[in-house]
Protein backbone atom coordinates (compact mmCIF):
# COMPACT_ATOMS: atom_id res chain seq x y z
CA UNK A 1 166.42 41.54 104.48
CA UNK A 2 162.66 41.40 105.25
CA UNK A 3 160.85 38.09 105.19
CA UNK A 4 158.68 38.12 102.04
CA UNK A 5 156.18 35.59 103.31
CA UNK A 6 155.46 37.57 106.47
CA UNK A 7 155.16 40.78 104.44
CA UNK A 8 152.54 39.12 102.26
CA UNK A 9 150.36 38.24 105.25
CA UNK A 10 150.40 41.50 107.17
CA UNK A 11 147.02 42.88 108.35
CA UNK A 12 144.88 44.86 105.90
CA UNK A 13 145.23 48.07 107.94
CA UNK A 14 149.01 47.88 107.68
CA UNK A 15 148.73 47.29 103.92
CA UNK A 16 146.52 50.35 103.48
CA UNK A 17 148.90 52.52 105.49
CA UNK A 18 151.86 51.20 103.52
CA UNK A 19 150.07 51.84 100.22
CA UNK A 20 149.33 55.42 101.24
CA UNK A 21 152.96 56.01 102.16
CA UNK A 22 154.15 54.59 98.82
CA UNK A 23 151.63 56.35 96.56
CA UNK A 24 153.31 57.78 93.48
CA UNK A 25 156.64 56.20 94.47
CA UNK A 26 158.20 54.13 91.66
CA UNK A 27 158.32 50.37 92.25
CA UNK A 28 161.77 49.00 92.90
CA UNK A 29 163.62 48.32 89.65
CA UNK A 30 161.11 50.23 87.52
CA UNK A 31 160.94 53.77 86.23
CA UNK A 32 157.98 55.91 85.23
CA UNK A 33 156.81 55.50 81.66
CA UNK A 34 157.69 58.38 79.32
CA UNK A 35 155.23 61.29 79.20
CA UNK A 36 152.33 60.68 76.84
CA UNK A 37 148.74 61.60 76.12
CA UNK A 38 146.37 58.64 76.45
CA UNK A 39 143.31 59.03 74.21
CA UNK A 40 140.56 56.57 75.14
CA UNK A 41 137.84 55.99 72.54
CA UNK A 42 134.86 54.64 74.47
CA UNK A 43 135.34 56.80 77.56
CA UNK A 44 131.84 56.02 78.84
CA UNK A 45 132.08 52.26 78.37
CA UNK A 46 132.33 49.40 80.81
CA UNK A 47 135.93 48.58 79.88
CA UNK A 48 137.07 52.09 80.73
CA UNK A 49 135.31 52.04 84.10
CA UNK A 50 136.10 48.51 85.23
CA UNK A 51 139.60 47.97 83.89
CA UNK A 52 141.39 50.96 82.40
CA UNK A 53 140.75 53.41 85.23
CA UNK A 54 141.56 50.90 88.00
CA UNK A 55 144.76 50.02 86.10
CA UNK A 56 145.75 53.68 85.75
CA UNK A 57 144.98 54.18 89.44
CA UNK A 58 147.25 51.25 90.38
CA UNK A 59 150.02 52.53 88.11
CA UNK A 60 149.69 55.93 89.76
CA UNK A 61 149.94 54.34 93.20
CA UNK A 62 153.13 52.58 92.06
CA UNK A 63 154.61 55.83 90.73
CA UNK A 64 154.91 54.47 87.19
CA UNK A 65 153.20 57.32 85.32
CA UNK A 66 154.95 60.53 84.27
CA UNK A 67 153.70 63.87 85.58
CA UNK A 68 153.36 65.06 81.99
CA UNK A 69 150.63 62.53 81.26
CA UNK A 70 147.19 63.62 80.02
CA UNK A 71 144.11 61.41 79.60
CA UNK A 72 141.48 62.38 77.02
CA UNK A 73 138.26 60.40 76.92
CA UNK A 74 136.41 60.44 73.61
CA UNK A 75 132.74 59.47 73.60
CA UNK A 76 129.48 60.41 71.94
CA UNK A 77 127.24 62.81 73.85
CA UNK A 78 127.94 66.19 75.37
CA UNK A 79 128.95 66.35 79.03
CA UNK A 80 131.25 68.26 81.31
CA UNK A 81 134.67 66.91 82.24
CA UNK A 82 133.71 67.32 85.90
CA UNK A 83 130.71 65.02 85.41
CA UNK A 84 132.91 62.34 83.79
CA UNK A 85 135.44 62.61 86.61
CA UNK A 86 132.69 62.26 89.23
CA UNK A 87 131.24 59.22 87.47
CA UNK A 88 134.62 57.50 87.34
CA UNK A 89 135.35 58.36 90.96
CA UNK A 90 132.10 56.79 92.13
CA UNK A 91 132.65 53.78 89.90
CA UNK A 92 136.17 53.29 91.25
CA UNK A 93 135.05 53.59 94.86
CA UNK A 94 132.40 50.93 94.26
CA UNK A 95 134.93 48.77 92.45
CA UNK A 96 137.35 49.06 95.38
CA UNK A 97 134.62 48.09 97.83
CA UNK A 98 133.44 45.15 95.73
CA UNK A 99 136.89 43.99 94.62
CA UNK A 100 138.94 44.46 97.77
CA UNK A 101 140.85 41.28 96.89
CA UNK A 102 141.93 42.91 93.62
CA UNK A 103 142.89 46.26 95.16
CA UNK A 104 144.00 44.67 98.48
CA UNK A 105 142.14 47.50 100.18
CA UNK A 106 138.49 48.50 100.32
CA UNK A 107 139.24 52.24 100.25
CA UNK A 108 140.70 54.41 97.54
CA UNK A 109 144.09 55.93 97.99
CA UNK A 110 143.00 59.56 97.49
CA UNK A 111 146.46 60.74 96.50
CA UNK A 112 146.86 58.09 93.80
CA UNK A 113 143.39 58.61 92.34
CA UNK A 114 143.62 62.39 92.64
CA UNK A 115 146.75 62.27 90.46
CA UNK A 116 144.78 60.46 87.73
CA UNK A 117 141.55 62.43 88.20
CA UNK A 118 143.12 65.85 87.65
CA UNK A 119 144.50 64.65 84.29
CA UNK A 120 141.12 63.48 82.92
CA UNK A 121 139.47 65.48 80.15
CA UNK A 122 136.21 64.57 78.43
CA UNK A 123 136.10 65.06 74.66
CA UNK A 124 132.68 64.65 72.94
CA UNK A 125 132.60 63.28 69.42
CA UNK A 126 131.23 60.59 67.11
CA UNK A 127 133.67 57.85 66.17
CA UNK A 128 132.91 57.96 62.44
CA UNK A 129 132.75 61.70 61.77
CA UNK A 130 135.67 63.64 60.25
CA UNK A 131 134.88 66.65 62.43
CA UNK A 132 135.68 64.68 65.61
CA UNK A 133 139.20 63.89 64.42
CA UNK A 134 139.86 67.40 63.13
CA UNK A 135 139.03 68.78 66.59
CA UNK A 136 141.06 66.02 68.24
CA UNK A 137 144.07 66.88 66.08
CA UNK A 138 143.82 70.51 67.16
CA UNK A 139 143.54 69.47 70.83
CA UNK A 140 146.56 67.16 70.63
CA UNK A 141 148.66 69.88 69.02
CA UNK A 142 148.35 71.74 72.34
CA UNK A 143 149.19 68.73 74.52
CA UNK A 144 152.21 68.74 76.84
CA UNK A 145 153.80 65.97 74.76
CA UNK A 146 153.36 64.67 71.23
CA UNK A 147 153.69 61.09 72.41
CA UNK A 148 150.17 59.69 72.01
CA UNK A 149 148.57 56.31 72.74
CA UNK A 150 145.15 55.77 71.15
CA UNK A 151 143.21 53.14 73.08
CA UNK A 152 140.21 51.65 71.24
CA UNK A 153 137.95 50.58 74.13
CA UNK A 154 135.01 50.28 71.75
CA UNK A 155 132.94 47.67 69.95
CA UNK A 156 134.91 45.76 67.30
CA UNK A 157 132.85 47.31 64.50
CA UNK A 158 134.54 50.66 65.25
CA UNK A 159 138.16 49.39 65.12
CA UNK A 160 138.82 49.91 61.41
CA UNK A 161 136.76 53.13 61.02
CA UNK A 162 138.55 54.82 63.93
CA UNK A 163 141.99 53.81 62.63
CA UNK A 164 141.07 55.02 59.14
CA UNK A 165 139.91 58.39 60.48
CA UNK A 166 143.05 58.73 62.61
CA UNK A 167 145.18 57.93 59.59
CA UNK A 168 143.40 60.33 57.24
CA UNK A 169 143.66 63.10 59.84
CA UNK A 170 147.42 62.57 60.07
CA UNK A 171 147.17 61.57 63.74
CA UNK A 172 149.24 58.41 63.30
CA UNK A 173 152.26 60.15 61.80
CA UNK A 174 155.36 59.91 63.99
CA UNK A 175 157.70 62.90 63.87
CA UNK A 176 161.18 63.19 65.33
CA UNK A 177 161.34 60.96 68.41
CA UNK A 178 157.63 61.23 69.25
CA UNK A 179 155.52 58.07 69.09
CA UNK A 180 151.93 57.35 68.06
CA UNK A 181 150.56 53.96 69.13
CA UNK A 182 147.28 52.07 68.74
CA UNK A 183 145.90 49.67 71.35
CA UNK A 184 143.21 47.39 69.95
CA UNK A 185 141.12 45.04 72.08
CA UNK A 186 139.85 41.60 71.11
CA UNK A 187 137.99 40.25 69.25
CA UNK A 188 140.51 40.84 66.49
CA UNK A 189 138.34 39.41 63.76
CA UNK A 190 135.85 36.56 64.02
CA UNK A 191 137.58 34.19 61.59
CA UNK A 192 140.54 34.12 59.22
CA UNK A 193 138.94 36.24 56.50
CA UNK A 194 137.76 39.00 58.88
CA UNK A 195 141.13 39.06 60.69
CA UNK A 196 142.98 39.48 57.39
CA UNK A 197 140.61 42.25 56.34
CA UNK A 198 141.01 44.08 59.66
CA UNK A 199 144.81 43.79 59.54
CA UNK A 200 144.84 45.09 55.99
CA UNK A 201 142.68 48.10 56.84
CA UNK A 202 144.74 48.98 59.91
CA UNK A 203 148.15 48.51 58.31
CA UNK A 204 147.15 50.82 55.48
CA UNK A 205 147.49 53.71 57.93
CA UNK A 206 149.77 52.40 60.70
CA UNK A 207 153.05 50.49 60.85
CA UNK A 208 153.00 47.08 62.53
CA UNK A 209 155.30 48.49 65.23
CA UNK A 210 152.60 51.02 66.13
CA UNK A 211 149.86 48.43 66.68
CA UNK A 212 149.39 46.82 70.10
CA UNK A 213 146.78 44.05 69.88
CA UNK A 214 145.90 43.43 73.49
CA UNK A 215 144.90 40.14 75.16
CA UNK A 216 144.24 40.79 78.83
CA UNK A 217 145.16 37.18 79.70
CA UNK A 218 148.78 38.14 79.01
CA UNK A 219 148.60 40.88 81.63
CA UNK A 220 148.28 38.36 84.46
CA UNK A 221 151.48 37.93 86.47
CA UNK A 222 150.92 34.18 86.62
CA UNK A 223 150.72 33.98 82.82
CA UNK A 224 153.91 35.99 82.41
CA UNK A 225 155.60 33.75 84.96
CA UNK A 226 155.19 30.77 82.60
CA UNK A 227 158.27 31.97 80.73
CA UNK A 228 160.21 32.40 83.97
CA UNK A 229 159.25 28.94 85.24
CA UNK A 230 160.22 27.32 81.95
CA UNK A 231 163.41 29.16 81.09
CA UNK A 232 164.87 30.23 84.45
CA UNK A 233 164.97 26.73 85.97
CA UNK A 234 167.23 23.93 84.79
CA UNK A 235 164.90 21.30 86.24
CA UNK A 236 161.89 22.13 84.06
CA UNK A 237 162.99 22.96 80.52
CA UNK A 238 164.81 19.65 79.74
CA UNK A 239 161.62 17.60 80.25
CA UNK A 240 159.40 19.86 78.15
CA UNK A 241 159.45 17.65 75.07
CA UNK A 242 157.81 14.61 73.49
CA UNK A 243 160.27 12.14 75.07
CA UNK A 244 158.90 12.94 78.55
CA UNK A 245 155.46 14.56 78.20
CA UNK A 246 152.32 12.47 77.66
CA UNK A 247 149.85 15.33 77.25
CA UNK A 248 149.17 18.95 78.19
CA UNK A 249 145.79 20.21 79.41
CA UNK A 250 144.83 23.89 79.38
CA UNK A 251 141.65 24.78 81.26
CA UNK A 252 139.69 28.01 81.62
CA UNK A 253 136.55 27.12 83.57
CA UNK A 254 133.95 29.52 84.97
CA UNK A 255 131.06 28.97 87.37
CA UNK A 256 129.05 31.94 86.09
CA UNK A 257 126.74 31.99 83.07
CA UNK A 258 126.57 34.68 80.39
CA UNK A 259 125.56 37.25 83.05
CA UNK A 260 123.27 39.43 80.91
CA UNK A 261 125.55 39.22 77.86
CA UNK A 262 123.38 36.75 75.96
CA UNK A 263 123.05 38.89 72.84
CA UNK A 264 126.86 39.24 72.63
CA UNK A 265 127.42 35.55 73.29
CA UNK A 266 124.95 34.56 70.58
CA UNK A 267 127.25 36.19 68.03
CA UNK A 268 130.42 34.72 69.51
CA UNK A 269 130.21 31.48 71.46
CA UNK A 270 132.78 29.93 73.76
CA UNK A 271 135.06 28.66 71.00
CA UNK A 272 135.54 31.98 69.19
CA UNK A 273 135.65 33.90 72.45
CA UNK A 274 138.39 31.84 74.09
CA UNK A 275 140.21 29.26 71.98
CA UNK A 276 142.06 31.06 69.12
CA UNK A 277 143.11 33.87 71.46
CA UNK A 278 143.30 33.28 75.23
CA UNK A 279 143.92 29.53 75.20
CA UNK A 280 146.21 29.62 72.18
CA UNK A 281 148.25 32.31 73.93
CA UNK A 282 148.73 30.00 76.91
CA UNK A 283 149.57 27.16 74.53
CA UNK A 284 152.13 29.34 72.78
CA UNK A 285 153.89 30.25 76.02
CA UNK A 286 154.04 26.70 77.34
CA UNK A 287 155.10 25.15 73.99
CA UNK A 288 157.42 27.76 72.44
CA UNK A 289 161.13 27.18 71.88
CA UNK A 290 163.55 29.18 74.07
CA UNK A 291 164.07 32.65 72.56
CA UNK A 292 167.58 34.06 72.24
CA UNK A 293 166.56 36.87 74.59
CA UNK A 294 163.44 38.42 76.06
CA UNK A 295 163.48 41.05 73.35
CA UNK A 296 159.90 41.50 72.11
CA UNK A 297 160.49 40.22 68.59
CA UNK A 298 162.54 37.24 69.78
CA UNK A 299 159.68 36.09 72.02
CA UNK A 300 156.97 36.83 69.46
CA UNK A 301 158.89 35.00 66.73
CA UNK A 302 158.94 31.82 68.81
CA UNK A 303 155.22 32.06 69.60
CA UNK A 304 154.49 32.66 65.92
CA UNK A 305 156.41 29.46 65.06
CA UNK A 306 154.14 27.48 67.39
CA UNK A 307 150.92 28.87 65.91
CA UNK A 308 152.25 28.13 62.43
CA UNK A 309 152.97 24.51 63.45
CA UNK A 310 149.46 23.78 64.78
CA UNK A 311 147.65 21.17 62.70
CA UNK A 312 144.37 22.67 61.44
CA UNK A 313 141.55 21.51 63.70
CA UNK A 314 138.61 19.58 62.25
CA UNK A 315 135.21 18.55 63.61
CA UNK A 316 136.65 15.34 65.10
CA UNK A 317 139.01 17.41 67.28
CA UNK A 318 136.32 19.59 68.85
CA UNK A 319 133.37 19.21 71.22
CA UNK A 320 130.75 21.90 71.79
CA UNK A 321 128.37 22.04 74.75
CA UNK A 322 125.60 24.26 76.09
CA UNK A 323 124.55 24.52 79.74
CA UNK A 324 121.11 23.44 80.82
CA UNK A 325 118.99 24.54 83.77
CA UNK A 326 120.16 23.58 87.23
CA UNK A 327 120.66 24.92 90.78
CA UNK A 328 123.20 27.54 89.58
CA UNK A 329 120.62 29.16 87.29
CA UNK A 330 118.51 28.95 84.12
CA UNK A 331 119.46 27.18 80.92
CA UNK A 332 121.42 29.19 78.36
CA UNK A 333 118.37 29.22 76.07
CA UNK A 334 116.38 30.94 78.82
CA UNK A 335 118.89 33.76 79.29
CA UNK A 336 117.99 37.28 78.12
CA UNK A 337 118.98 37.94 74.53
CA UNK A 338 119.30 34.25 73.63
CA UNK A 339 117.21 32.53 70.94
CA UNK A 340 115.01 29.69 72.21
CA UNK A 341 116.44 27.38 69.55
CA UNK A 342 120.04 28.61 70.00
CA UNK A 343 122.88 26.32 68.94
CA UNK A 344 125.54 28.62 70.41
CA UNK A 345 128.10 26.76 72.50
CA UNK A 346 128.90 27.81 76.08
CA UNK A 347 131.51 25.05 76.37
CA UNK A 348 134.27 24.08 73.95
CA UNK A 349 136.94 21.41 74.13
CA UNK A 350 139.63 20.87 71.52
CA UNK A 351 142.46 18.46 70.80
CA UNK A 352 145.45 20.26 69.30
CA UNK A 353 148.58 18.77 67.74
CA UNK A 354 151.78 20.70 67.05
CA UNK A 355 153.87 19.55 64.10
CA UNK A 356 157.41 20.23 65.24
CA UNK A 357 160.37 18.27 66.58
CA UNK A 358 159.70 19.06 70.24
CA UNK A 359 155.98 18.24 70.42
CA UNK A 360 155.19 15.75 67.64
CA UNK A 361 152.73 13.18 68.98
CA UNK A 362 151.91 15.06 72.19
CA UNK A 363 148.24 16.12 72.34
CA UNK A 364 147.31 19.48 73.85
CA UNK A 365 143.78 19.37 75.25
CA UNK A 366 142.02 22.72 75.64
CA UNK A 367 138.70 23.34 77.38
CA UNK A 368 136.68 26.33 78.40
CA UNK A 369 133.13 26.75 79.57
CA UNK A 370 130.55 28.53 81.65
CA UNK A 371 128.46 27.19 84.52
CA UNK A 372 131.03 24.54 85.36
CA UNK A 373 131.67 23.02 88.74
CA UNK A 374 134.59 25.25 89.68
CA UNK A 375 136.32 28.42 88.54
CA UNK A 376 139.80 27.49 87.44
CA UNK A 377 142.40 28.57 84.87
CA UNK A 378 145.46 26.35 84.77
CA UNK A 379 147.94 24.43 82.64
CA UNK A 380 148.62 20.81 83.60
CA UNK A 381 151.58 19.00 82.08
CA UNK A 382 151.38 15.23 82.50
CA UNK A 383 154.59 13.26 82.22
CA UNK A 384 154.77 9.81 80.68
CA UNK A 385 154.53 6.82 82.98
CA UNK A 386 157.76 5.19 84.11
CA UNK A 387 158.54 1.46 83.66
CA UNK A 388 156.94 -0.42 86.56
CA UNK A 389 158.97 -3.66 86.60
CA UNK A 390 160.21 -3.03 90.14
CA UNK A 391 156.66 -2.48 91.38
CA UNK A 392 155.23 -5.80 90.22
CA UNK A 393 152.57 -5.89 92.93
CA UNK A 394 151.32 -2.35 92.20
CA UNK A 395 148.82 -2.12 89.32
CA UNK A 396 149.86 0.49 86.78
CA UNK A 397 146.47 2.16 87.02
CA UNK A 398 146.89 2.74 90.76
CA UNK A 399 149.96 4.94 90.40
CA UNK A 400 149.30 8.66 90.12
CA UNK A 401 150.88 10.14 86.99
CA UNK A 402 153.44 12.88 87.53
CA UNK A 403 151.71 16.17 86.74
CA UNK A 404 153.18 19.66 86.90
CA UNK A 405 150.44 22.31 87.11
CA UNK A 406 150.70 26.07 86.71
CA UNK A 407 147.71 27.62 88.46
CA UNK A 408 146.71 30.95 86.92
CA UNK A 409 143.32 31.86 88.36
CA UNK A 410 141.92 32.22 91.00
CA UNK A 411 144.78 30.44 92.79
CA UNK A 412 148.26 31.64 91.81
CA UNK A 413 151.12 29.17 91.98
CA UNK A 414 152.31 25.73 90.95
CA UNK A 415 151.94 22.16 92.11
CA UNK A 416 153.61 18.85 91.32
CA UNK A 417 152.00 15.45 91.79
CA UNK A 418 154.39 12.54 92.26
CA UNK A 419 154.67 9.18 94.04
CA UNK A 420 156.44 8.16 97.25
CA UNK A 421 156.60 5.09 99.46
CA UNK A 422 153.84 4.92 102.07
CA UNK A 423 155.40 4.54 105.55
CA UNK A 424 155.34 0.94 106.76
CA UNK A 425 157.00 -2.46 106.22
CA UNK A 426 155.31 -3.07 102.84
CA UNK A 427 156.46 -1.47 99.58
CA UNK A 428 153.34 0.51 98.84
CA UNK A 429 153.26 3.58 96.59
CA UNK A 430 151.13 6.61 97.41
CA UNK A 431 150.49 9.97 95.71
CA UNK A 432 151.66 13.27 97.21
CA UNK A 433 151.64 16.87 96.09
CA UNK A 434 154.22 19.62 96.43
CA UNK A 435 152.75 23.14 96.19
CA UNK A 436 153.95 26.70 95.81
CA UNK A 437 151.61 29.66 96.36
CA UNK A 438 152.66 33.17 95.38
CA UNK A 439 151.04 34.66 98.47
CA UNK A 440 153.40 32.64 100.71
CA UNK A 441 156.50 34.27 99.24
CA UNK A 442 155.57 37.61 97.73
CA UNK A 443 153.58 40.58 98.92
CA UNK A 444 150.44 40.86 96.85
CA UNK A 445 150.05 43.92 94.64
CA UNK A 446 146.84 45.50 93.41
CA UNK A 447 146.27 44.34 89.86
CA UNK A 448 143.36 44.11 87.43
CA UNK A 449 145.47 42.62 84.62
CA UNK A 450 145.90 45.76 82.51
CA UNK A 451 148.65 47.52 84.46
CA UNK A 452 151.58 45.73 82.82
CA UNK A 453 150.00 45.99 79.37
CA UNK A 454 149.41 49.75 79.63
CA UNK A 455 152.86 50.34 81.10
CA UNK A 456 154.56 48.24 78.40
CA UNK A 457 152.67 50.05 75.65
CA UNK A 458 153.87 53.42 76.96
CA UNK A 459 157.41 52.02 77.05
CA UNK A 460 157.11 50.59 73.54
CA UNK A 461 157.61 46.98 74.69
CA UNK A 462 155.51 44.71 72.43
CA UNK A 463 156.44 41.39 74.07
CA UNK A 464 152.95 40.76 75.49
CA UNK A 465 151.05 41.96 72.43
CA UNK A 466 150.03 40.00 69.34
CA UNK A 467 151.43 40.47 65.85
CA UNK A 468 149.37 40.38 62.66
CA UNK A 469 150.93 37.10 61.47
CA UNK A 470 150.22 35.33 64.77
CA UNK A 471 146.62 36.51 64.77
CA UNK A 472 146.10 35.15 61.27
CA UNK A 473 147.83 31.79 61.83
CA UNK A 474 145.75 31.24 64.99
CA UNK A 475 142.52 31.86 63.07
CA UNK A 476 143.77 29.68 60.21
CA UNK A 477 144.20 26.76 62.63
CA UNK A 478 140.51 26.86 63.63
CA UNK A 479 138.89 28.06 60.40
CA UNK A 480 137.58 24.60 59.44
CA UNK A 481 135.76 24.39 62.78
CA UNK A 482 134.23 27.84 62.34
CA UNK A 483 133.07 27.02 58.79
CA UNK A 484 132.25 23.27 58.82
CA UNK A 485 130.57 21.45 55.96
CA UNK A 486 127.83 20.43 58.39
CA UNK A 487 127.00 22.13 61.71
CA UNK A 488 128.74 20.64 64.75
CA UNK A 489 126.64 18.95 67.41
CA UNK A 490 126.06 20.99 70.55
CA UNK A 491 125.80 18.70 73.57
CA UNK A 492 123.82 19.66 76.63
CA UNK A 493 125.48 19.56 80.04
CA UNK A 494 124.16 20.09 83.54
CA UNK A 495 124.91 23.43 85.15
CA UNK A 496 127.50 22.93 87.85
CA UNK A 497 129.03 19.88 86.14
CA UNK A 498 132.43 19.45 84.48
CA UNK A 499 130.94 19.70 80.99
CA UNK A 500 129.35 17.36 78.44
CA UNK A 501 130.05 13.63 78.32
CA UNK A 502 131.27 14.05 74.74
CA UNK A 503 134.27 16.01 76.05
CA UNK A 504 135.22 13.08 78.28
CA UNK A 505 134.80 10.76 75.30
CA UNK A 506 137.19 12.93 73.25
CA UNK A 507 140.02 12.12 75.65
CA UNK A 508 138.86 8.57 76.40
CA UNK A 509 139.30 7.75 72.71
CA UNK A 510 143.00 8.57 73.22
CA UNK A 511 143.19 6.54 76.44
CA UNK A 512 143.30 9.67 78.59
CA UNK A 513 141.06 11.67 80.94
CA UNK A 514 140.62 15.29 81.97
CA UNK A 515 142.15 16.48 85.20
CA UNK A 516 139.30 16.87 87.73
CA UNK A 517 137.91 20.38 88.07
CA UNK A 518 137.18 19.69 91.73
CA UNK A 519 140.34 18.33 93.29
CA UNK A 520 140.19 17.42 96.97
CA UNK A 521 143.98 17.48 97.25
CA UNK A 522 144.08 21.20 96.43
CA UNK A 523 141.67 21.84 99.28
CA UNK A 524 143.87 20.25 101.95
CA UNK A 525 145.66 22.63 104.27
CA UNK A 526 149.43 22.60 104.14
């Protein structure tokens, strides 16, 4: 049996050769998705270029797409299919060169991309005109298969109109064993009222089982592994409860600013953009009860229970911040597309309580922000302190708390902080860390985070997708914060720092502190 760690560290040239040999060969234990026609609304957009096409390319390289697949790109403006193919080819080549760590090679596998490229067809049409959908219906009637996935890679304002046009044209009707599915990107609403309205408009024409509300966070292998870590190991699950856990911290920190997306961010802000979706999804996976199976509805039922048990957040549970000028770059207010008197938050911290038997009294602290000191997405679970009677000469404050951390991005793995005796004749306690890194045990695979989600949608597996009730309960939990009686304060923080002082005060009031964003222990070599 080959050594997995050595396979993971083989030279790049060997990886490229191996990838070429395995192109279009199914991954072990997996089978190609059923034949389908993928219709992408927003074929000329950034999402299609940066994420969907690289994901399809990687699925092709893994042999997980059926030869009967067709890909139709719908977009406004006339152009030839050949021009669209050329544009995507150049974009993918640049992406491979710039993101070699994502593709694990700086050159395209021509066979894998050629498989996708020859199935691309450009289809011009306006998203809100009946004529577009009449022509699309005629085109799909001639497709190799009547299995169709409609992917809405468009601005949120087009979600409901496109679904309504698809429904009125009869394109969402499922006949015999053929399927028709909708993939809808976030933001799925901007508050509780808009989410309810969007769900109502969509479910007027489609069944809930046809709707795949996508959150790309759930496509990350390290996020999916949360369930495996919790439920496949007898040593972890028994302690995941209020008797043993002091607090849980979920962090999604970025070092970049809004990167030219100021006008979008002005309408959204860090809290709406991250908390009721990405961070709540992580909270749901780390806090949910064990499902009876990994059947999609069993898992989604347990996550829905968690969202339903969240105490509604109020102003006292939340801190907003906005980055100021510093060495990393200009202040948020000086970014393009941002109002000079903007009160939009680029940082948000929240204290969340879950009212159920397992987690009553255990605070979940969530934080996200831009222009912070380090890029890091992780979940840290801090255990309660043990009685210290036998360590009378060791101050309680000097002992490192036991913390189990699941590292999601950019590092992939886990770590556990605990205490041991320092060598020597005196009973002295010192902190140590045990670490696991995925790269040390498993060969890395090219992944942009959408491969699993696309593959599961074609299979009809909804485990990693959000249901209407979960969407609405998540928005309900934060609706008071989004519509406060008086505007929340927005605290300035220095670019390159860990965030505003008010966020530290939020935890200090509970007698706790954030885990450091810059941790010297994680930088030590094993």
